[in-house]
Amino acid sequence: MTPFEQTLREIDRICRTCQTPYAVIGGIANVVHGGTRTTQDVDITIYSEVDQLQNIYAMFARDFVSIREDPEAFFQRFFVLPLRHRQTQIRVDVAAALSGLEREAIKRSERRQFGQVEISVCTIEDLIIFKLFAARDKDLLDVKSLVENNRTKLNESYLRHRAKDFVALERIDVLERLDTVLK
């Protein structure tokens, strides 16, 4: 089992034991959905309320070490908990799913194989939306590759619906980039 598989197995075990819904997003999700770019870390979004952030840190404390001096304060401020798996040393960023978009991605997530482990992964459509929102060059290249490799499988109606949500946030670029990549 690779270090990534070991790390993902622990994340899945912790979340399932604590009955806390989550979804793998980012580079690992990109690989699961047929992307070619490699990654150096694991990104997850985890269902949480603001008043539960301390509990989220406590869930991971035995098997993961914080990268930040005061992890609870950092998590409370930025809603992301940067960790490192004690055994494998793989970095894991745990994002609190506080928005409707993130919570919907968790609800829609699918159990998928990554090597020898089964994990909850966001759908390809939700991954595309996350990457369009991030809008870094590498994310936009991932979107292009994901669309090219999965065009017939994509739920374009859902993608357009989600992208239109960003217009209200003055991020019309998300919808525009989606339209460009789908043409």
C-alpha atoms as a PDB file:
ATOM      1  CA  MET A   1       0.000   0.000   0.000  1.00  0.00           C
ATOM      2  CA  THR A   2       1.394   3.417  -0.962  1.00  0.00           C
ATOM      3  CA  PRO A   3       1.740   6.272   1.553  1.00  0.00           C
ATOM      4  CA  PHE A   4      -1.182   8.069  -0.124  1.00  0.00           C
ATOM      5  CA  GLU A   5      -3.355   4.965   0.184  1.00  0.00           C
ATOM      6  CA  GLN A   6      -2.418   4.581   3.877  1.00  0.00           C
ATOM      7  CA  THR A   7      -3.233   8.228   4.548  1.00  0.00           C
ATOM      8  CA  LEU A   8      -6.557   8.042   2.710  1.00  0.00           C
ATOM      9  CA  ARG A   9      -7.453   4.815   4.520  1.00  0.00           C
ATOM     10  CA  GLU A  10      -6.927   6.582   7.870  1.00  0.00           C
ATOM     11  CA  ILE A  11      -8.997   9.598   6.825  1.00  0.00           C
ATOM     12  CA  ASP A  12     -11.818   7.340   5.701  1.00  0.00           C
ATOM     13  CA  ARG A  13     -11.650   5.257   8.895  1.00  0.00           C
ATOM     14  CA  ILE A  14     -11.728   8.340  11.127  1.00  0.00           C
ATOM     15  CA  CYS A  15     -14.618  10.000   9.288  1.00  0.00           C
ATOM     16  CA  ARG A  16     -16.682   6.834   9.089  1.00  0.00           C
ATOM     17  CA  THR A  17     -16.051   5.962  12.762  1.00  0.00           C
ATOM     18  CA  CYS A  18     -17.073   9.485  13.807  1.00  0.00           C
ATOM     19  CA  GLN A  19     -19.993   9.432  11.345  1.00  0.00           C
ATOM     20  CA  THR A  20     -18.751  12.645   9.767  1.00  0.00           C
ATOM     21  CA  PRO A  21     -19.425  12.987   6.038  1.00  0.00           C
ATOM     22  CA  TYR A  22     -16.492  14.051   3.874  1.00  0.00           C
ATOM     23  CA  ALA A  23     -15.296  14.131   0.282  1.00  0.00           C
ATOM     24  CA  VAL A  24     -11.825  13.997  -1.193  1.00  0.00           C
ATOM     25  CA  ILE A  25     -11.306  16.972  -3.494  1.00  0.00           C
ATOM     26  CA  GLY A  26      -8.255  18.431  -5.233  1.00  0.00           C
ATOM     27  CA  GLY A  27      -5.452  16.421  -6.809  1.00  0.00           C
ATOM     28  CA  ILE A  28      -6.493  12.978  -5.560  1.00  0.00           C
ATOM     29  CA  ALA A  29     -10.035  13.502  -6.887  1.00  0.00           C
ATOM     30  CA  ASN A  30      -8.490  14.649 -10.157  1.00  0.00           C
ATOM     31  CA  VAL A  31      -6.551  11.362 -10.401  1.00  0.00           C
ATOM     32  CA  VAL A  32      -9.637   9.283  -9.496  1.00  0.00           C
ATOM     33  CA  HIS A  33     -11.566  10.997 -12.293  1.00  0.00           C
ATOM     34  CA  GLY A  34      -8.869  10.312 -14.869  1.00  0.00           C
ATOM     35  CA  GLY A  35      -6.682  13.400 -14.565  1.00  0.00           C
ATOM     36  CA  THR A  36      -3.003  13.016 -15.255  1.00  0.00           C
ATOM     37  CA  ARG A  37      -1.411  15.569 -12.933  1.00  0.00           C
ATOM     38  CA  THR A  38       0.207  14.239  -9.779  1.00  0.00           C
ATOM     39  CA  THR A  39      -0.209  15.770  -6.337  1.00  0.00           C
ATOM     40  CA  GLN A  40       1.832  16.135  -3.185  1.00  0.00           C
ATOM     41  CA  ASP A  41      -1.005  16.286  -0.662  1.00  0.00           C
ATOM     42  CA  VAL A  42      -4.551  15.241   0.164  1.00  0.00           C
ATOM     43  CA  ASP A  43      -7.416  17.747   0.216  1.00  0.00           C
ATOM     44  CA  ILE A  44     -10.741  16.924   1.834  1.00  0.00           C
ATOM     45  CA  THR A  45     -13.844  18.852   2.710  1.00  0.00           C
ATOM     46  CA  ILE A  46     -15.615  17.681   5.839  1.00  0.00           C
ATOM     47  CA  TYR A  47     -19.131  18.397   7.039  1.00  0.00           C
ATOM     48  CA  SER A  48     -18.985  20.720  10.027  1.00  0.00           C
ATOM     49  CA  GLU A  49     -20.745  23.553  11.767  1.00  0.00           C
ATOM     50  CA  VAL A  50     -18.658  26.490  13.010  1.00  0.00           C
ATOM     51  CA  ASP A  51     -19.194  25.455  16.632  1.00  0.00           C
ATOM     52  CA  GLN A  52     -17.889  21.935  15.845  1.00  0.00           C
ATOM     53  CA  LEU A  53     -14.454  22.920  14.548  1.00  0.00           C
ATOM     54  CA  GLN A  54     -12.743  21.875  17.797  1.00  0.00           C
ATOM     55  CA  ASN A  55     -14.311  18.433  17.460  1.00  0.00           C
ATOM     56  CA  ILE A  56     -12.961  18.085  13.923  1.00  0.00           C
ATOM     57  CA  TYR A  57      -9.418  18.746  15.105  1.00  0.00           C
ATOM     58  CA  ALA A  58      -9.871  16.259  17.964  1.00  0.00           C
ATOM     59  CA  MET A  59     -11.008  13.570  15.491  1.00  0.00           C
ATOM     60  CA  PHE A  60      -7.679  13.700  13.677  1.00  0.00           C
ATOM     61  CA  ALA A  61      -5.326  14.428  16.606  1.00  0.00           C
ATOM     62  CA  ARG A  62      -4.267  10.831  17.284  1.00  0.00           C
ATOM     63  CA  ASP A  63      -3.136   9.954  13.742  1.00  0.00           C
ATOM     64  CA  PHE A  64      -2.268  13.400  12.374  1.00  0.00           C
ATOM     65  CA  VAL A  65      -0.107  16.255  13.626  1.00  0.00           C
ATOM     66  CA  SER A  66      -0.878  19.902  12.974  1.00  0.00           C
ATOM     67  CA  ILE A  67       1.425  21.899  10.739  1.00  0.00           C
ATOM     68  CA  ARG A  68       0.375  25.127  12.505  1.00  0.00           C
ATOM     69  CA  GLU A  69       1.372  26.292  15.997  1.00  0.00           C
ATOM     70  CA  ASP A  70      -2.195  26.837  17.212  1.00  0.00           C
ATOM     71  CA  PRO A  71      -4.261  24.534  14.981  1.00  0.00           C
ATOM     72  CA  GLU A  72      -7.618  25.269  16.581  1.00  0.00           C
ATOM     73  CA  ALA A  73      -7.192  29.036  16.239  1.00  0.00           C
ATOM     74  CA  PHE A  74      -6.017  28.618  12.636  1.00  0.00           C
ATOM     75  CA  PHE A  75      -9.016  26.390  11.852  1.00  0.00           C
ATOM     76  CA  GLN A  76     -11.407  28.867  13.491  1.00  0.00           C
ATOM     77  CA  ARG A  77      -9.944  31.720  11.455  1.00  0.00           C
ATOM     78  CA  PHE A  78      -9.456  30.138   8.020  1.00  0.00           C
ATOM     79  CA  PHE A  79     -11.738  27.055   8.155  1.00  0.00           C
ATOM     80  CA  VAL A  80      -8.850  24.894   6.909  1.00  0.00           C
ATOM     81  CA  LEU A  81      -6.855  22.576   9.120  1.00  0.00           C
ATOM     82  CA  PRO A  82      -3.404  21.746   7.692  1.00  0.00           C
ATOM     83  CA  LEU A  83      -2.200  18.393   9.026  1.00  0.00           C
ATOM     84  CA  ARG A  84       0.493  15.802   8.387  1.00  0.00           C
ATOM     85  CA  HIS A  85      -0.123  12.068   8.773  1.00  0.00           C
ATOM     86  CA  ARG A  86       2.145  10.870  11.585  1.00  0.00           C
ATOM     87  CA  GLN A  87       3.173   7.652   9.850  1.00  0.00           C
ATOM     88  CA  THR A  88       3.394   8.598   6.164  1.00  0.00           C
ATOM     89  CA  GLN A  89       4.178  12.324   6.532  1.00  0.00           C
ATOM     90  CA  ILE A  90       1.659  13.105   3.764  1.00  0.00           C
ATOM     91  CA  ARG A  91       0.147  16.568   4.133  1.00  0.00           C
ATOM     92  CA  VAL A  92      -3.637  16.723   4.476  1.00  0.00           C
ATOM     93  CA  ASP A  93      -5.705  19.907   4.252  1.00  0.00           C
ATOM     94  CA  VAL A  94      -9.067  19.491   5.977  1.00  0.00           C
ATOM     95  CA  ALA A  95     -11.539  22.185   4.873  1.00  0.00           C
ATOM     96  CA  ALA A  96     -14.698  22.777   6.865  1.00  0.00           C
ATOM     97  CA  ALA A  97     -17.683  22.437   4.526  1.00  0.00           C
ATOM     98  CA  LEU A  98     -19.643  25.479   5.631  1.00  0.00           C
ATOM     99  CA  SER A  99     -21.097  26.572   2.280  1.00  0.00           C
ATOM    100  CA  GLY A 100     -23.949  25.031   0.354  1.00  0.00           C
ATOM    101  CA  LEU A 101     -21.601  24.198  -2.529  1.00  0.00           C
ATOM    102  CA  GLU A 102     -19.235  22.181  -0.326  1.00  0.00           C
ATOM    103  CA  ARG A 103     -22.071  20.458   1.507  1.00  0.00           C
ATOM    104  CA  GLU A 104     -23.738  19.533  -1.764  1.00  0.00           C
ATOM    105  CA  ALA A 105     -20.410  18.109  -2.988  1.00  0.00           C
ATOM    106  CA  ILE A 106     -20.207  15.931   0.123  1.00  0.00           C
ATOM    107  CA  LYS A 107     -23.804  14.800  -0.269  1.00  0.00           C
ATOM    108  CA  ARG A 108     -23.203  13.915  -3.929  1.00  0.00           C
ATOM    109  CA  SER A 109     -19.828  12.250  -3.286  1.00  0.00           C
ATOM    110  CA  GLU A 110     -19.247   8.704  -4.497  1.00  0.00           C
ATOM    111  CA  ARG A 111     -17.383   5.766  -2.996  1.00  0.00           C
ATOM    112  CA  ARG A 112     -14.493   5.193  -5.379  1.00  0.00           C
ATOM    113  CA  GLN A 113     -11.289   3.187  -5.473  1.00  0.00           C
ATOM    114  CA  PHE A 114      -7.917   4.843  -5.153  1.00  0.00           C
ATOM    115  CA  GLY A 115      -5.393   2.060  -5.479  1.00  0.00           C
ATOM    116  CA  GLN A 116      -6.243  -0.434  -2.731  1.00  0.00           C
ATOM    117  CA  VAL A 117      -8.572   1.798  -0.703  1.00  0.00           C
ATOM    118  CA  GLU A 118     -12.150   2.911  -1.089  1.00  0.00           C
ATOM    119  CA  ILE A 119     -12.827   6.558  -0.260  1.00  0.00           C
ATOM    120  CA  SER A 120     -15.534   9.203  -0.661  1.00  0.00           C
ATOM    121  CA  VAL A 121     -14.670  11.396  -3.639  1.00  0.00           C
ATOM    122  CA  CYS A 122     -16.517  14.423  -4.979  1.00  0.00           C
ATOM    123  CA  THR A 123     -18.162  13.916  -8.351  1.00  0.00           C
ATOM    124  CA  ILE A 124     -16.359  15.038 -11.471  1.00  0.00           C
ATOM    125  CA  GLU A 125     -18.841  17.906 -11.871  1.00  0.00           C
ATOM    126  CA  ASP A 126     -18.196  19.216  -8.353  1.00  0.00           C
ATOM    127  CA  LEU A 127     -14.453  18.857  -8.883  1.00  0.00           C
ATOM    128  CA  ILE A 128     -14.708  20.922 -12.075  1.00  0.00           C
ATOM    129  CA  ILE A 129     -16.622  23.646 -10.224  1.00  0.00           C
ATOM    130  CA  PHE A 130     -14.057  23.708  -7.373  1.00  0.00           C
ATOM    131  CA  LYS A 131     -11.230  23.990  -9.901  1.00  0.00           C
ATOM    132  CA  LEU A 132     -12.980  26.708 -11.925  1.00  0.00           C
ATOM    133  CA  PHE A 133     -13.484  28.657  -8.699  1.00  0.00           C
ATOM    134  CA  ALA A 134      -9.819  28.290  -7.673  1.00  0.00           C
ATOM    135  CA  ALA A 135      -8.836  29.389 -11.204  1.00  0.00           C
ATOM    136  CA  ARG A 136      -5.111  28.735 -10.815  1.00  0.00           C
ATOM    137  CA  ASP A 137      -3.360  27.841 -14.072  1.00  0.00           C
ATOM    138  CA  LYS A 138      -2.912  24.208 -12.989  1.00  0.00           C
ATOM    139  CA  ASP A 139      -6.598  23.962 -12.013  1.00  0.00           C
ATOM    140  CA  LEU A 140      -7.729  25.297 -15.376  1.00  0.00           C
ATOM    141  CA  LEU A 141      -5.484  22.788 -17.149  1.00  0.00           C
ATOM    142  CA  ASP A 142      -7.050  20.045 -14.988  1.00  0.00           C
ATOM    143  CA  VAL A 143     -10.543  21.210 -15.988  1.00  0.00           C
ATOM    144  CA  LYS A 144      -9.645  21.124 -19.660  1.00  0.00           C
ATOM    145  CA  SER A 145      -8.253  17.587 -19.316  1.00  0.00           C
ATOM    146  CA  LEU A 146     -11.215  16.360 -17.243  1.00  0.00           C
ATOM    147  CA  VAL A 147     -13.724  17.705 -19.772  1.00  0.00           C
ATOM    148  CA  GLU A 148     -11.821  16.295 -22.759  1.00  0.00           C
ATOM    149  CA  ASN A 149     -11.522  12.847 -21.159  1.00  0.00           C
ATOM    150  CA  ASN A 150     -15.081  12.668 -19.790  1.00  0.00           C
ATOM    151  CA  ARG A 151     -17.222  14.779 -22.105  1.00  0.00           C
ATOM    152  CA  THR A 152     -19.913  12.124 -22.633  1.00  0.00           C
ATOM    153  CA  LYS A 153     -20.208  11.422 -18.881  1.00  0.00           C
ATOM    154  CA  LEU A 154     -20.602  15.025 -17.695  1.00  0.00           C
ATOM    155  CA  ASN A 155     -23.878  16.349 -16.354  1.00  0.00           C
ATOM    156  CA  GLU A 156     -23.676  19.703 -18.157  1.00  0.00           C
ATOM    157  CA  SER A 157     -26.998  20.851 -16.737  1.00  0.00           C
ATOM    158  CA  TYR A 158     -25.705  20.460 -13.177  1.00  0.00           C
ATOM    159  CA  LEU A 159     -22.404  22.154 -14.112  1.00  0.00           C
ATOM    160  CA  ARG A 160     -24.178  25.185 -15.584  1.00  0.00           C
ATOM    161  CA  HIS A 161     -26.563  25.401 -12.630  1.00  0.00           C
ATOM    162  CA  ARG A 162     -23.645  25.386 -10.153  1.00  0.00           C
ATOM    163  CA  ALA A 163     -21.581  27.840 -12.220  1.00  0.00           C
ATOM    164  CA  LYS A 164     -24.503  30.290 -12.311  1.00  0.00           C
ATOM    165  CA  ASP A 165     -24.448  30.366  -8.494  1.00  0.00           C
ATOM    166  CA  PHE A 166     -21.148  32.249  -8.722  1.00  0.00           C
ATOM    167  CA  VAL A 167     -22.648  35.093 -10.755  1.00  0.00           C
ATOM    168  CA  ALA A 168     -24.363  36.331  -7.568  1.00  0.00           C
ATOM    169  CA  LEU A 169     -20.916  36.374  -5.915  1.00  0.00           C
ATOM    170  CA  GLU A 170     -19.584  38.531  -8.756  1.00  0.00           C
ATOM    171  CA  ARG A 171     -17.567  35.589 -10.068  1.00  0.00           C
ATOM    172  CA  ILE A 172     -19.070  35.445 -13.545  1.00  0.00           C
ATOM    173  CA  ASP A 173     -15.646  34.180 -14.658  1.00  0.00           C
ATOM    174  CA  VAL A 174     -16.588  30.723 -13.340  1.00  0.00           C
ATOM    175  CA  LEU A 175     -19.534  30.514 -15.741  1.00  0.00           C
ATOM    176  CA  GLU A 176     -17.518  32.043 -18.584  1.00  0.00           C
ATOM    177  CA  ARG A 177     -14.656  29.560 -18.119  1.00  0.00           C
ATOM    178  CA  LEU A 178     -17.119  26.685 -17.997  1.00  0.00           C
ATOM    179  CA  ASP A 179     -18.737  27.815 -21.243  1.00  0.00           C
ATOM    180  CA  THR A 180     -15.321  28.089 -22.889  1.00  0.00           C
ATOM    181  CA  VAL A 181     -14.166  24.634 -21.838  1.00  0.00           C
ATOM    182  CA  LEU A 182     -17.457  22.960 -22.803  1.00  0.00           C
ATOM    183  CA  LYS A 183     -17.365  24.368 -26.372  1.00  0.00           C
END
